[in-house]
Amino acid sequence: MLIDTHCHINMLVKQTFDTPLQQQHINDARLVLEEAMDNNVSTIINVGTSLIESKNCITLAQQYSSMYAAIGIHPNDCTESWKNDFKKLVTLAKNKEQLKIVAIGETGLDRHYPGYNIIRQKDAFKAHIELALEQNLPLIIHTRDAHDEVLTVLDEFKGDNLKGVIHCFSENLAFAHHALDLNFVLGIGGPLTYPKNITLREVFTQVPLNKIILETDTPFLPPQIIRGKKNHPKYIKTVAEFLANLRNVPFEVVAETTTQNAKMLFGL
């Protein structure tokens, strides 16, 4: 069986962002889950990007036994009111067992889109790290066009028993080794299958398999076979098969190892 460690089914089943899930959305999520399970996906972690979407992830985790939640504020959604929203996330995190919260994030730094406030992003990033340490939960990190700064922030917490995943890994081998040294694993999904991502494939042939977990980032970043369409957790199998071929190992080895990696990291 496979684990999709990074999903946004809460976004897949509705048209508008930052709105609470309605009953029809929750029902539609069941169909997504059933299709995923038909493709050997046993577990899905839905990842929050704002207070409302984090609550939506919790709603799905409460409704379906094979779903879990991560809560956090994405750097691109880090508004002036982030501190007030974050206080509410802290309260939720204190009830992590009951609410099936298995990680903090996604959080990190993103310089890709104009108008970002990097100081605010860094403040929020550090707050997420401190919450993850306080609750002994792994951290889910988003990084885009800010790789050196992400590592600089993480280095401040080296030795503090911080753990987590570099979500949608897209950096070079040097970054990968630095992240591994900081007790992080690498999350990989559809982009591994894109023809132009030669450097990314080189990284994932060299890093240890026991430091890799699989993700789809549904509904984003679909694998090459459905490029241009919405992603779905059932395609985690496509990623696993591609990784197995890339590393020249049996599919079963990739499936078993990445599943155990995810279970260990998220306490599943």
Foldseek 3Di string as FASTA:
>chain_A
DAEAEEEQLVPVQDDDPLDADDPVSLVVVVVLVVLLVVLVHQAYEYEEAFLRSQVNQLVNVVVDVRYAYEEEHEQVRLDPCRVVSVVVVLVVLVVCVVSRHQEYDDAEDEPDDPPGDRVSSLVRRVVSQVSCLVSVHAYEYEDYPCLVVRLVSLVVCAPSNHEYEDAQDQDALVSQVSQVNSHYAYEHEQVCQDPVSPRVLVNLLPDDLLRYAYHHHFQDRAHPVPPPGGHGSSCSLVVLVVSCVSNVHDSVVSRVSNRVSSCVNRVD
